C-alpha atoms as a PDB file:
ATOM      1  CA  MET A   1      -0.007  -0.022  -0.015  1.00  0.00           C
ATOM      2  CA  LEU A   2       2.741   2.505   0.859  1.00  0.00           C
ATOM      3  CA  GLU A   3       4.347   1.990  -2.560  1.00  0.00           C
ATOM      4  CA  THR A   4       1.242   3.538  -4.139  1.00  0.00           C
ATOM      5  CA  HIS A   5       2.410   6.958  -2.786  1.00  0.00           C
ATOM      6  CA  MET A   6       6.113   6.333  -3.004  1.00  0.00           C
ATOM      7  CA  LEU A   7       7.016   8.706  -5.892  1.00  0.00           C
ATOM      8  CA  ASN A   8       6.342  12.371  -5.877  1.00  0.00           C
ATOM      9  CA  PRO A   9       4.521  13.193  -9.184  1.00  0.00           C
ATOM     10  CA  LYS A  10       6.013  16.723  -9.018  1.00  0.00           C
ATOM     11  CA  GLY A  11       9.520  15.625  -8.051  1.00  0.00           C
ATOM     12  CA  TYR A  12      11.110  14.784 -11.405  1.00  0.00           C
ATOM     13  CA  LYS A  13      13.705  17.033 -13.140  1.00  0.00           C
ATOM     14  CA  ASN A  14      16.949  17.084 -14.992  1.00  0.00           C
ATOM     15  CA  VAL A  15      19.981  18.100 -12.941  1.00  0.00           C
ATOM     16  CA  THR A  16      22.774  20.430 -14.029  1.00  0.00           C
ATOM     17  CA  GLY A  17      26.350  20.251 -12.738  1.00  0.00           C
ATOM     18  CA  PRO A  18      28.561  23.131 -11.734  1.00  0.00           C
ATOM     19  CA  ASP A  19      29.587  23.654 -15.298  1.00  0.00           C
ATOM     20  CA  GLY A  20      26.004  24.265 -16.323  1.00  0.00           C
ATOM     21  CA  LYS A  21      25.661  21.025 -18.359  1.00  0.00           C
ATOM     22  CA  VAL A  22      22.883  18.516 -17.710  1.00  0.00           C
ATOM     23  CA  CYS A  23      24.532  15.662 -15.946  1.00  0.00           C
ATOM     24  CA  GLY A  24      21.603  13.557 -14.798  1.00  0.00           C
ATOM     25  CA  PHE A  25      18.053  13.545 -13.492  1.00  0.00           C
ATOM     26  CA  SER A  26      16.417  13.281 -10.095  1.00  0.00           C
ATOM     27  CA  LEU A  27      13.179  12.053  -8.550  1.00  0.00           C
ATOM     28  CA  GLU A  28      11.713  12.296  -5.106  1.00  0.00           C
ATOM     29  CA  ALA A  29      10.679   9.135  -3.252  1.00  0.00           C
ATOM     30  CA  ARG A  30       9.294   8.171   0.092  1.00  0.00           C
ATOM     31  CA  ALA A  31      10.469   4.950   1.701  1.00  0.00           C
ATOM     32  CA  PRO A  32       7.713   2.316   1.530  1.00  0.00           C
ATOM     33  CA  TYR A  33       7.904   1.524   5.241  1.00  0.00           C
ATOM     34  CA  TYR A  34       5.564   2.385   8.113  1.00  0.00           C
ATOM     35  CA  ARG A  35       8.167   4.134  10.285  1.00  0.00           C
ATOM     36  CA  GLY A  36      11.382   6.137  10.121  1.00  0.00           C
ATOM     37  CA  PHE A  37      14.651   4.329  10.016  1.00  0.00           C
ATOM     38  CA  SER A  38      18.436   4.865   9.855  1.00  0.00           C
ATOM     39  CA  LEU A  39      19.830   4.730   6.311  1.00  0.00           C
ATOM     40  CA  SER A  40      21.868   1.641   7.169  1.00  0.00           C
ATOM     41  CA  ILE A  41      18.884  -0.631   6.606  1.00  0.00           C
ATOM     42  CA  VAL A  42      18.648   0.288   2.880  1.00  0.00           C
ATOM     43  CA  ARG A  43      20.171  -2.554   0.964  1.00  0.00           C
ATOM     44  CA  ASN A  44      19.331  -1.302  -2.542  1.00  0.00           C
ATOM     45  CA  ILE A  45      17.431   1.189  -4.618  1.00  0.00           C
ATOM     46  CA  ALA A  46      16.891   0.304  -8.261  1.00  0.00           C
ATOM     47  CA  VAL A  47      15.775   3.013 -10.722  1.00  0.00           C
ATOM     48  CA  THR A  48      14.329   2.085 -14.157  1.00  0.00           C
ATOM     49  CA  VAL A  49      13.098   4.759 -16.511  1.00  0.00           C
ATOM     50  CA  ASP A  50      11.491   3.931 -19.837  1.00  0.00           C
ATOM     51  CA  GLY A  51      12.752   0.332 -19.505  1.00  0.00           C
ATOM     52  CA  VAL A  52      16.374   1.348 -18.820  1.00  0.00           C
ATOM     53  CA  GLU A  53      17.711   0.284 -15.424  1.00  0.00           C
ATOM     54  CA  TYR A  54      20.491   2.508 -14.119  1.00  0.00           C
ATOM     55  CA  PRO A  55      23.503   0.982 -12.293  1.00  0.00           C
ATOM     56  CA  ARG A  56      23.486   1.433  -8.540  1.00  0.00           C
ATOM     57  CA  GLU A  57      26.908   3.127  -8.838  1.00  0.00           C
ATOM     58  CA  ASP A  58      25.210   5.972 -10.721  1.00  0.00           C
ATOM     59  CA  LEU A  59      22.727   6.701  -7.927  1.00  0.00           C
ATOM     60  CA  LEU A  60      22.991   9.278  -5.173  1.00  0.00           C
ATOM     61  CA  VAL A  61      20.449   9.633  -2.412  1.00  0.00           C
ATOM     62  CA  THR A  62      19.895  12.868  -0.496  1.00  0.00           C
ATOM     63  CA  VAL A  63      18.136  12.645   2.890  1.00  0.00           C
ATOM     64  CA  ASN A  64      17.938  15.588   5.281  1.00  0.00           C
ATOM     65  CA  GLY A  65      20.306  17.609   3.196  1.00  0.00           C
ATOM     66  CA  GLU A  66      23.092  14.955   3.132  1.00  0.00           C
ATOM     67  CA  THR A  67      23.988  12.997   0.004  1.00  0.00           C
ATOM     68  CA  PHE A  68      25.234   9.412  -0.045  1.00  0.00           C
ATOM     69  CA  THR A  69      26.001   6.589  -2.468  1.00  0.00           C
ATOM     70  CA  LEU A  70      24.093   3.368  -1.818  1.00  0.00           C
ATOM     71  CA  GLU A  71      27.291   1.771  -0.408  1.00  0.00           C
ATOM     72  CA  GLU A  72      27.838   4.688   1.924  1.00  0.00           C
ATOM     73  CA  MET A  73      24.249   4.458   3.172  1.00  0.00           C
ATOM     74  CA  ARG A  74      24.939   0.914   4.582  1.00  0.00           C
ATOM     75  CA  THR A  75      27.030   2.503   7.356  1.00  0.00           C
ATOM     76  CA  VAL A  76      24.955   5.585   8.075  1.00  0.00           C
ATOM     77  CA  ILE A  77      23.196   5.344  11.482  1.00  0.00           C
ATOM     78  CA  SER A  78      23.104   9.029  12.322  1.00  0.00           C
ATOM     79  CA  ASN A  79      20.711  10.070   9.516  1.00  0.00           C
ATOM     80  CA  ARG A  80      17.093   8.923   9.679  1.00  0.00           C
ATOM     81  CA  TRP A  81      14.707   8.768   6.761  1.00  0.00           C
ATOM     82  CA  LEU A  82      11.467   9.785   8.438  1.00  0.00           C
ATOM     83  CA  PHE A  83       8.091   8.335   7.663  1.00  0.00           C
ATOM     84  CA  GLY A  84       6.310  10.290   4.900  1.00  0.00           C
ATOM     85  CA  LYS A  85       9.346  12.401   3.988  1.00  0.00           C
ATOM     86  CA  PHE A  86      10.757  12.564   0.510  1.00  0.00           C
ATOM     87  CA  ALA A  87      14.371  11.807  -0.308  1.00  0.00           C
ATOM     88  CA  THR A  88      15.900  12.857  -3.594  1.00  0.00           C
ATOM     89  CA  ILE A  89      17.411  10.105  -5.776  1.00  0.00           C
ATOM     90  CA  THR A  90      19.791  11.506  -8.366  1.00  0.00           C
ATOM     91  CA  VAL A  91      20.812   9.399 -11.369  1.00  0.00           C
ATOM     92  CA  LYS A  92      24.084  10.347 -13.133  1.00  0.00           C
ATOM     93  CA  LYS A  93      23.317  10.414 -16.864  1.00  0.00           C
ATOM     94  CA  ASP A  94      25.020  12.690 -19.383  1.00  0.00           C
ATOM     95  CA  GLY A  95      22.299  14.904 -20.949  1.00  0.00           C
ATOM     96  CA  GLY A  96      19.652  13.807 -18.472  1.00  0.00           C
ATOM     97  CA  LEU A  97      16.281  12.710 -19.832  1.00  0.00           C
ATOM     98  CA  ALA A  98      14.891  13.960 -23.148  1.00  0.00           C
ATOM     99  CA  PRO A  99      11.955  16.328 -22.972  1.00  0.00           C
ATOM    100  CA  GLY A 100       8.689  14.503 -23.036  1.00  0.00           C
ATOM    101  CA  ASN A 101       6.761  11.799 -21.234  1.00  0.00           C
ATOM    102  CA  HIS A 102       8.488   9.072 -19.190  1.00  0.00           C
ATOM    103  CA  HIS A 103       7.667   6.158 -16.917  1.00  0.00           C
ATOM    104  CA  ALA A 104       9.745   5.348 -13.748  1.00  0.00           C
ATOM    105  CA  ASP A 105       9.845   2.295 -11.570  1.00  0.00           C
ATOM    106  CA  VAL A 106      11.763   2.551  -8.253  1.00  0.00           C
ATOM    107  CA  THR A 107      12.323  -0.540  -6.210  1.00  0.00           C
ATOM    108  CA  MET A 108      13.641  -0.294  -2.657  1.00  0.00           C
ATOM    109  CA  THR A 109      15.007  -3.191  -0.645  1.00  0.00           C
ATOM    110  CA  LEU A 110      15.107  -2.661   3.152  1.00  0.00           C
ATOM    111  CA  ALA A 111      16.454  -4.954   5.831  1.00  0.00           C
ATOM    112  CA  PRO A 112      15.125  -4.036   9.294  1.00  0.00           C
ATOM    113  CA  SER A 113      17.200  -5.809  11.927  1.00  0.00           C
ATOM    114  CA  TYR A 114      14.152  -7.160  13.782  1.00  0.00           C
ATOM    115  CA  MET A 115      12.607  -8.850  10.737  1.00  0.00           C
ATOM    116  CA  PRO A 116      13.576 -12.233   9.350  1.00  0.00           C
ATOM    117  CA  MET A 117      13.355 -11.065   5.786  1.00  0.00           C
ATOM    118  CA  GLN A 118      14.032  -8.184   3.517  1.00  0.00           C
ATOM    119  CA  LEU A 119      11.221  -5.907   2.312  1.00  0.00           C
ATOM    120  CA  VAL A 120      11.155  -5.239  -1.374  1.00  0.00           C
ATOM    121  CA  ARG A 121       8.635  -2.685  -2.705  1.00  0.00           C
ATOM    122  CA  THR A 122       8.309  -0.893  -6.119  1.00  0.00           C
ATOM    123  CA  GLY A 123       6.702   2.416  -6.811  1.00  0.00           C
ATOM    124  CA  HIS A 124       5.660   3.578 -10.322  1.00  0.00           C
ATOM    125  CA  GLY A 125       5.295   6.983 -11.798  1.00  0.00           C
ATOM    126  CA  ASP A 126       4.558   8.704 -15.103  1.00  0.00           C
ATOM    127  CA  PHE A 127       5.999  12.115 -15.569  1.00  0.00           C
ATOM    128  CA  THR A 128       7.035  14.811 -18.113  1.00  0.00           C
ATOM    129  CA  ILE A 129      10.344  16.532 -18.319  1.00  0.00           C
END
């Protein structure tokens, strides 16, 4: 149920670097979990746009003003992703996304320490750049 509201329909945009060139795109996502948690329980975030899955090495996640790679997040216990709050997921991609309509699928894998399994949830969104 929480994955239904996972992606912010107004949170998609191309991203420019310090040189003014478009170097990627970003989207805003809520964690599909019923409570806040430290970033260390995030095992993976997979982003697919228009059928193209982007490598995890090309993703950056910004929570509470701090930006991390997915590998860095595994050790972050001092930053909490609060229930209902959006994080920004930035995908490195030269030129960003072309203007027009797109479809995104974002799959998050979480591993709360008190649960015997990992939680895997996917949110979907249609958007225009």
